[in-house]
Protein backbone atom coordinates (compact mmCIF):
# COMPACT_ATOMS: atom_id res chain seq x y z
CA UNK A 1 16.59 97.17 35.52
CA UNK A 2 18.42 99.85 37.39
CA UNK A 3 21.24 99.92 40.02
CA UNK A 4 21.04 100.08 43.80
CA UNK A 5 23.33 102.79 45.14
CA UNK A 6 24.24 103.51 48.69
CA UNK A 7 26.01 106.91 49.83
CA UNK A 8 27.92 106.61 52.96
CA UNK A 9 28.59 109.94 54.71
CA UNK A 10 25.13 111.31 53.22
CA UNK A 11 24.99 113.92 55.89
CA UNK A 12 28.27 115.51 55.01
CA UNK A 13 28.98 118.30 52.34
CA UNK A 14 30.36 115.82 49.77
CA UNK A 15 27.63 113.20 50.47
CA UNK A 16 24.77 115.59 50.02
CA UNK A 17 26.50 116.97 46.75
CA UNK A 18 26.75 113.18 45.39
CA UNK A 19 22.86 113.06 45.88
CA UNK A 20 22.37 116.06 44.10
CA UNK A 21 24.46 115.07 41.30
CA UNK A 22 23.06 111.47 41.09
CA UNK A 23 19.65 113.13 40.51
CA UNK A 24 20.85 115.97 38.23
CA UNK A 25 22.56 113.64 35.87
CA UNK A 26 19.87 111.03 35.73
CA UNK A 27 21.90 108.40 36.87
CA UNK A 28 20.13 104.81 36.34
CA UNK A 29 19.39 103.93 39.89
CA UNK A 30 16.17 101.94 41.04
CA UNK A 31 17.08 102.79 44.50
CA UNK A 32 19.49 105.21 46.47
CA UNK A 33 20.00 104.54 50.13
CA UNK A 34 21.59 107.22 52.31
CA UNK A 35 23.87 105.97 55.17
CA UNK A 36 25.72 107.58 58.01
CA UNK A 37 26.83 106.79 61.54
CA UNK A 38 24.21 105.86 64.26
CA UNK A 39 23.95 109.40 65.68
CA UNK A 40 22.57 110.58 62.08
CA UNK A 41 19.86 107.91 61.92
CA UNK A 42 16.48 109.32 60.84
CA UNK A 43 17.91 112.69 59.67
CA UNK A 44 16.49 113.55 56.32
CA UNK A 45 18.29 114.51 53.17
CA UNK A 46 17.31 115.40 49.67
CA UNK A 47 17.37 113.34 46.48
CA UNK A 48 15.84 115.09 43.62
CA UNK A 49 12.18 115.64 44.53
CA UNK A 50 12.51 112.91 47.23
CA UNK A 51 13.43 112.92 50.90
CA UNK A 52 15.53 110.27 52.26
CA UNK A 53 15.93 109.07 55.81
CA UNK A 54 19.44 108.22 56.85
CA UNK A 55 20.24 104.64 57.88
CA UNK A 56 23.14 103.28 60.05
CA UNK A 57 25.95 102.21 58.13
CA UNK A 58 26.81 99.52 60.91
CA UNK A 59 23.50 97.72 60.36
CA UNK A 60 23.28 97.79 56.45
CA UNK A 61 23.52 94.69 54.44
CA UNK A 62 25.43 95.36 51.12
CA UNK A 63 24.68 92.02 49.63
CA UNK A 64 21.98 93.51 47.21
CA UNK A 65 23.79 96.92 46.45
CA UNK A 66 25.66 97.46 43.15
CA UNK A 67 27.74 100.72 43.91
CA UNK A 68 28.68 102.58 47.26
CA UNK A 69 29.89 106.12 47.12
CA UNK A 70 32.03 106.27 50.05
CA UNK A 71 32.49 109.88 51.45
CA UNK A 72 33.01 109.41 55.33
CA UNK A 73 36.65 109.79 55.81
CA UNK A 74 39.66 107.47 55.90
CA UNK A 75 39.10 105.80 59.05
CA UNK A 76 35.58 104.69 58.16
CA UNK A 77 36.81 103.69 54.59
CA UNK A 78 39.72 101.67 55.88
CA UNK A 79 37.36 99.80 58.17
CA UNK A 80 34.32 99.41 55.70
CA UNK A 81 35.39 99.53 52.06
CA UNK A 82 37.10 96.13 52.05
CA UNK A 83 34.10 94.47 53.76
CA UNK A 84 31.64 96.15 51.35
CA UNK A 85 33.83 95.13 48.52
CA UNK A 86 33.74 91.52 49.39
CA UNK A 87 30.03 91.61 49.40
CA UNK A 88 30.02 92.34 45.60
CA UNK A 89 29.37 96.17 45.77
CA UNK A 90 31.81 98.39 44.21
CA UNK A 91 33.09 101.11 46.32
CA UNK A 92 33.95 104.46 44.89
CA UNK A 93 35.99 105.98 47.65
CA UNK A 94 36.47 109.70 48.22
CA UNK A 95 39.15 109.39 50.96
CA UNK A 96 42.88 108.74 50.75
CA UNK A 97 42.61 105.43 52.36
CA UNK A 98 43.06 103.43 49.17
CA UNK A 99 44.66 106.01 46.55
CA UNK A 100 48.26 104.63 46.94
CA UNK A 101 47.42 101.04 46.80
CA UNK A 102 48.48 99.29 43.61
CA UNK A 103 45.49 97.07 43.34
CA UNK A 104 43.15 100.15 43.51
CA UNK A 105 42.46 102.18 40.42
CA UNK A 106 42.94 106.09 41.02
CA UNK A 107 40.52 107.59 38.36
CA UNK A 108 39.73 110.92 36.71
CA UNK A 109 37.41 109.78 34.04
CA UNK A 110 38.54 112.60 31.41
CA UNK A 111 42.11 111.46 32.01
CA UNK A 112 42.54 107.63 32.61
CA UNK A 113 39.10 106.24 32.33
CA UNK A 114 40.70 102.87 30.87
CA UNK A 115 42.42 102.08 34.22
CA UNK A 116 38.87 101.55 35.86
CA UNK A 117 39.02 97.94 34.77
CA UNK A 118 41.50 97.04 37.44
CA UNK A 119 38.71 97.58 40.02
CA UNK A 120 37.86 93.81 40.14
CA UNK A 121 40.98 93.01 42.60
CA UNK A 122 39.40 94.51 45.45
CA UNK A 123 36.07 96.06 44.20
CA UNK A 124 37.41 99.62 45.38
CA UNK A 125 38.03 102.54 43.23
CA UNK A 126 39.64 105.59 44.51
CA UNK A 127 38.52 109.26 43.88
CA UNK A 128 41.81 111.54 43.97
CA UNK A 129 42.48 114.70 45.96
CA UNK A 130 40.33 117.42 45.11
CA UNK A 131 43.20 119.48 44.00
CA UNK A 132 44.71 116.84 42.07
CA UNK A 133 41.48 115.99 40.03
CA UNK A 134 41.35 119.57 38.64
CA UNK A 135 44.96 119.49 37.92
CA UNK A 136 45.12 116.58 36.08
CA UNK A 137 41.92 117.56 33.85
CA UNK A 138 43.80 120.44 32.73
CA UNK A 139 47.32 118.83 32.35
CA UNK A 140 46.23 115.76 30.37
CA UNK A 141 45.59 117.49 26.89
CA UNK A 142 48.77 119.44 27.20
CA UNK A 143 50.79 116.26 28.29
CA UNK A 144 49.35 114.48 25.25
CA UNK A 145 50.43 117.40 23.09
CA UNK A 146 54.06 118.13 24.07
CA UNK A 147 54.78 115.79 27.13
CA UNK A 148 55.16 117.22 30.42
CA UNK A 149 58.53 117.24 32.21
CA UNK A 150 57.91 119.35 35.38
CA UNK A 151 55.11 121.10 36.99
CA UNK A 152 55.16 123.72 39.75
CA UNK A 153 51.75 124.42 41.35
CA UNK A 154 50.57 126.55 44.11
CA UNK A 155 46.86 125.82 45.28
CA UNK A 156 44.67 128.19 46.72
CA UNK A 157 42.13 125.94 48.31
CA UNK A 158 38.56 126.82 49.79
CA UNK A 159 37.64 126.20 53.43
CA UNK A 160 34.90 123.60 52.16
CA UNK A 161 37.75 121.16 51.59
CA UNK A 162 38.07 120.79 55.33
CA UNK A 163 34.28 120.02 55.91
CA UNK A 164 31.42 121.92 57.24
CA UNK A 165 33.09 122.95 60.51
CA UNK A 166 35.63 124.76 58.57
CA UNK A 167 33.31 126.79 56.56
CA UNK A 168 31.37 127.59 59.79
CA UNK A 169 34.71 128.88 61.36
CA UNK A 170 35.18 131.12 58.23
CA UNK A 171 31.77 132.49 58.63
CA UNK A 172 32.02 133.05 62.57
CA UNK A 173 35.36 134.56 62.28
CA UNK A 174 34.45 136.78 59.46
CA UNK A 175 31.36 138.10 61.50
CA UNK A 176 33.62 138.60 64.64
CA UNK A 177 35.90 140.92 62.86
CA UNK A 178 33.04 143.09 61.74
CA UNK A 179 31.52 143.19 65.23
CA UNK A 180 34.98 143.40 67.12
CA UNK A 181 34.37 140.02 68.84
CA UNK A 182 37.41 137.73 69.69
CA UNK A 183 38.31 135.68 66.79
CA UNK A 184 38.62 132.01 67.64
CA UNK A 185 40.75 129.38 65.63
CA UNK A 186 39.61 126.01 66.25
CA UNK A 187 39.56 124.05 62.92
CA UNK A 188 42.61 125.88 61.52
CA UNK A 189 46.11 126.53 63.02
CA UNK A 190 45.47 130.25 62.48
CA UNK A 191 42.82 132.56 61.79
CA UNK A 192 41.23 132.04 58.32
CA UNK A 193 39.21 135.23 58.02
CA UNK A 194 40.93 137.81 55.90
CA UNK A 195 44.22 135.60 56.00
CA UNK A 196 45.71 132.94 53.98
CA UNK A 197 47.49 129.73 55.75
CA UNK A 198 50.18 127.99 53.85
CA UNK A 199 49.42 124.71 55.50
CA UNK A 200 46.84 122.06 54.57
CA UNK A 201 47.10 118.79 56.56
CA UNK A 202 50.06 117.65 58.52
CA UNK A 203 53.73 118.34 58.02
CA UNK A 204 55.96 115.50 56.80
CA UNK A 205 59.78 115.22 57.34
CA UNK A 206 60.70 116.74 54.15
CA UNK A 207 59.02 119.91 54.94
CA UNK A 208 56.03 119.30 52.48
CA UNK A 209 52.56 118.98 53.90
CA UNK A 210 50.47 115.83 53.53
CA UNK A 211 48.11 117.56 51.10
CA UNK A 212 51.20 118.77 48.94
CA UNK A 213 52.50 115.18 48.87
CA UNK A 214 48.91 113.97 47.84
CA UNK A 215 48.81 116.21 44.65
CA UNK A 216 52.48 114.93 43.76
CA UNK A 217 52.03 111.37 44.15
CA UNK A 218 48.46 111.20 42.80
CA UNK A 219 49.42 113.24 39.53
CA UNK A 220 52.06 110.73 38.89
CA UNK A 221 49.75 107.86 39.49
CA UNK A 222 46.89 109.25 37.29
CA UNK A 223 48.70 110.89 34.62
CA UNK A 224 52.53 109.80 34.24
CA UNK A 225 55.09 108.66 36.98
CA UNK A 226 57.83 110.38 34.88
CA UNK A 227 56.38 113.83 35.53
CA UNK A 228 58.26 115.85 38.29
CA UNK A 229 56.06 117.97 40.37
CA UNK A 230 56.23 120.36 43.35
CA UNK A 231 53.40 121.92 45.22
CA UNK A 232 52.63 124.55 47.76
CA UNK A 233 49.29 124.04 49.20
CA UNK A 234 47.41 127.16 50.70
CA UNK A 235 44.12 127.51 52.50
CA UNK A 236 42.36 130.89 51.44
CA UNK A 237 39.21 132.56 53.01
CA UNK A 238 36.76 131.35 50.06
CA UNK A 239 33.77 129.05 50.79
CA UNK A 240 33.80 126.86 47.73
CA UNK A 241 36.17 126.26 44.69
CA UNK A 242 39.97 125.62 44.68
CA UNK A 243 42.17 127.85 42.48
CA UNK A 244 45.69 126.69 41.29
CA UNK A 245 48.58 128.75 39.58
CA UNK A 246 50.28 126.14 37.50
CA UNK A 247 53.75 126.57 35.84
CA UNK A 248 54.60 123.50 33.24
CA UNK A 249 57.77 122.69 31.54
CA UNK A 250 57.45 120.48 28.42
CA UNK A 251 59.81 118.31 26.47
CA UNK A 252 58.61 119.53 23.12
CA UNK A 253 57.70 123.05 21.90
CA UNK A 254 54.32 124.40 22.42
CA UNK A 255 52.74 127.71 21.84
CA UNK A 256 50.05 129.50 23.73
CA UNK A 257 47.56 129.03 20.89
CA UNK A 258 48.47 125.25 20.47
CA UNK A 259 47.94 124.90 24.34
CA UNK A 260 44.61 126.92 24.18
CA UNK A 261 43.22 124.91 21.35
CA UNK A 262 44.08 121.57 22.97
CA UNK A 263 42.39 122.79 26.22
CA UNK A 264 39.31 124.02 24.45
CA UNK A 265 38.99 120.67 22.78
CA UNK A 266 39.50 118.65 25.97
CA UNK A 267 36.51 117.00 27.99
CA UNK A 268 35.64 118.79 31.35
CA UNK A 269 37.61 121.77 30.44
CA UNK A 270 36.39 125.29 29.92
CA UNK A 271 38.69 127.88 28.82
CA UNK A 272 37.94 131.61 29.75
CA UNK A 273 41.01 133.66 29.05
CA UNK A 274 40.44 137.16 27.70
CA UNK A 275 43.39 139.56 28.38
CA UNK A 276 41.31 142.18 29.84
CA UNK A 277 40.16 143.11 33.42
CA UNK A 278 37.69 140.30 34.60
CA UNK A 279 38.69 138.01 31.60
CA UNK A 280 39.22 134.99 33.72
CA UNK A 281 37.29 132.75 36.24
CA UNK A 282 37.32 133.13 39.84
CA UNK A 283 36.39 130.69 42.73
CA UNK A 284 32.99 132.61 43.27
CA UNK A 285 31.96 132.00 39.45
CA UNK A 286 33.18 128.19 39.55
CA UNK A 287 31.12 127.24 42.53
CA UNK A 288 28.07 124.82 41.39
CA UNK A 289 29.72 124.30 38.20
CA UNK A 290 31.04 120.79 36.76
CA UNK A 291 33.84 122.25 34.58
CA UNK A 292 37.50 122.71 35.21
CA UNK A 293 38.11 126.34 34.28
CA UNK A 294 41.28 127.44 32.77
CA UNK A 295 42.36 131.01 32.34
CA UNK A 296 45.64 133.34 32.00
CA UNK A 297 47.55 130.90 29.74
CA UNK A 298 50.58 132.38 28.85
CA UNK A 299 54.36 131.63 27.82
CA UNK A 300 56.97 131.23 30.68
CA UNK A 301 60.12 132.61 28.88
CA UNK A 302 62.41 131.62 31.76
CA UNK A 303 62.50 127.95 30.63
CA UNK A 304 62.53 126.30 27.26
CA UNK A 305 59.01 125.16 26.35
CA UNK A 306 57.19 126.54 29.24
CA UNK A 307 53.58 127.75 29.94
CA UNK A 308 51.78 129.11 32.88
CA UNK A 309 47.90 129.30 33.61
CA UNK A 310 45.33 129.53 36.26
CA UNK A 311 42.94 126.76 36.95
CA UNK A 312 39.81 126.96 38.95
CA UNK A 313 37.04 124.21 39.96
CA UNK A 314 34.26 123.52 42.50
CA UNK A 315 36.09 121.14 44.96
CA UNK A 316 32.72 119.65 46.05
CA UNK A 317 32.10 118.65 42.46
CA UNK A 318 34.86 118.08 40.19
CA UNK A 319 36.98 117.55 43.13
CA UNK A 320 34.83 114.99 45.01
CA UNK A 321 31.22 114.20 44.23
CA UNK A 322 30.84 114.69 40.60
CA UNK A 323 34.15 112.76 39.92
CA UNK A 324 32.84 109.81 41.98
CA UNK A 325 29.59 109.78 40.00
CA UNK A 326 31.42 110.09 36.70
CA UNK A 327 33.50 106.92 37.82
CA UNK A 328 30.12 105.11 38.40
CA UNK A 329 28.88 106.11 34.88
CA UNK A 330 31.93 104.58 33.24
CA UNK A 331 31.30 101.21 34.90
CA UNK A 332 27.79 101.53 33.73
CA UNK A 333 28.38 102.90 30.23
CA UNK A 334 31.13 100.38 29.56
CA UNK A 335 29.11 97.54 30.98
CA UNK A 336 31.70 96.61 33.68
CA UNK A 337 29.08 96.32 36.09
CA UNK A 338 25.60 94.73 35.70
CA UNK A 339 22.95 95.40 38.41
CA UNK A 340 22.60 92.40 40.93
CA UNK A 341 18.80 92.55 40.25
CA UNK A 342 19.39 91.63 36.62
CA UNK A 343 21.64 88.89 37.35
CA UNK A 344 19.25 87.57 39.90
CA UNK A 345 16.52 87.64 37.05
């Protein structure tokens, strides 16, 4: 007997990606239900070779549902995730609503799968920020090898991280530039076409943005609270995939060769690092792929035990949908969750 899975926010970028990945990976689901707000009821979405009709979240009873993949934003999650969890359905939440709750595990399966056991406190598991997910996948094997002291990261984040409207804005602004129409900025604070914007999310009192704060706090929770980390988050005119320039200072000596070997052996990582023109991965090439790609691994001679590298991943997949499905797979494979239909039988 398989699981019953609900996707909340099934009409959005990440929700559709979740449906695709569940089908691609052959997740053991007997039934998949697509949910969204009332205004989307009746809209059709694809799931493998099937078509699902959207049902209203407000009218849905989760009593016989095993897993809910939640991708409808923080406000919806704050209202609904605790209610769904109380009905015995495990929520895997893609928003930031519960990431910083000590009773909610924040999980990247390649990094801290063992922590998933804590889900029973609230029946909620949090997915990290998309930038954090790829960063910790790359940092974990290096931390195991030489213990990370400090990380300096600059992110180059695609517009899909801000949703479909943001992707539409990049497209319409780019077209406007070519045909000499006025360029309108609605979703972003400044023009994004042929430009970069050093702000993602709102500013905080200390001058960091909320996005930068998320990367700092989440990396500590997932990987190690002792790591010092500073981040600059930048929006770039790319549709899909986030890139990161990462500088790491270690407690122990580590060579480029040792780091490369550890990264090659790490789950979820693909090293593409030829020291020649084009011998690295760009966001365009990472789109649609599951891996976190690492390139340009090199020594930083300005500090003791320092390395720099380039990291790229599809933010809709590893940064969101794939990570959520992988968490669900951990629950199933470790037998931490049995289907309600099996219990009833």
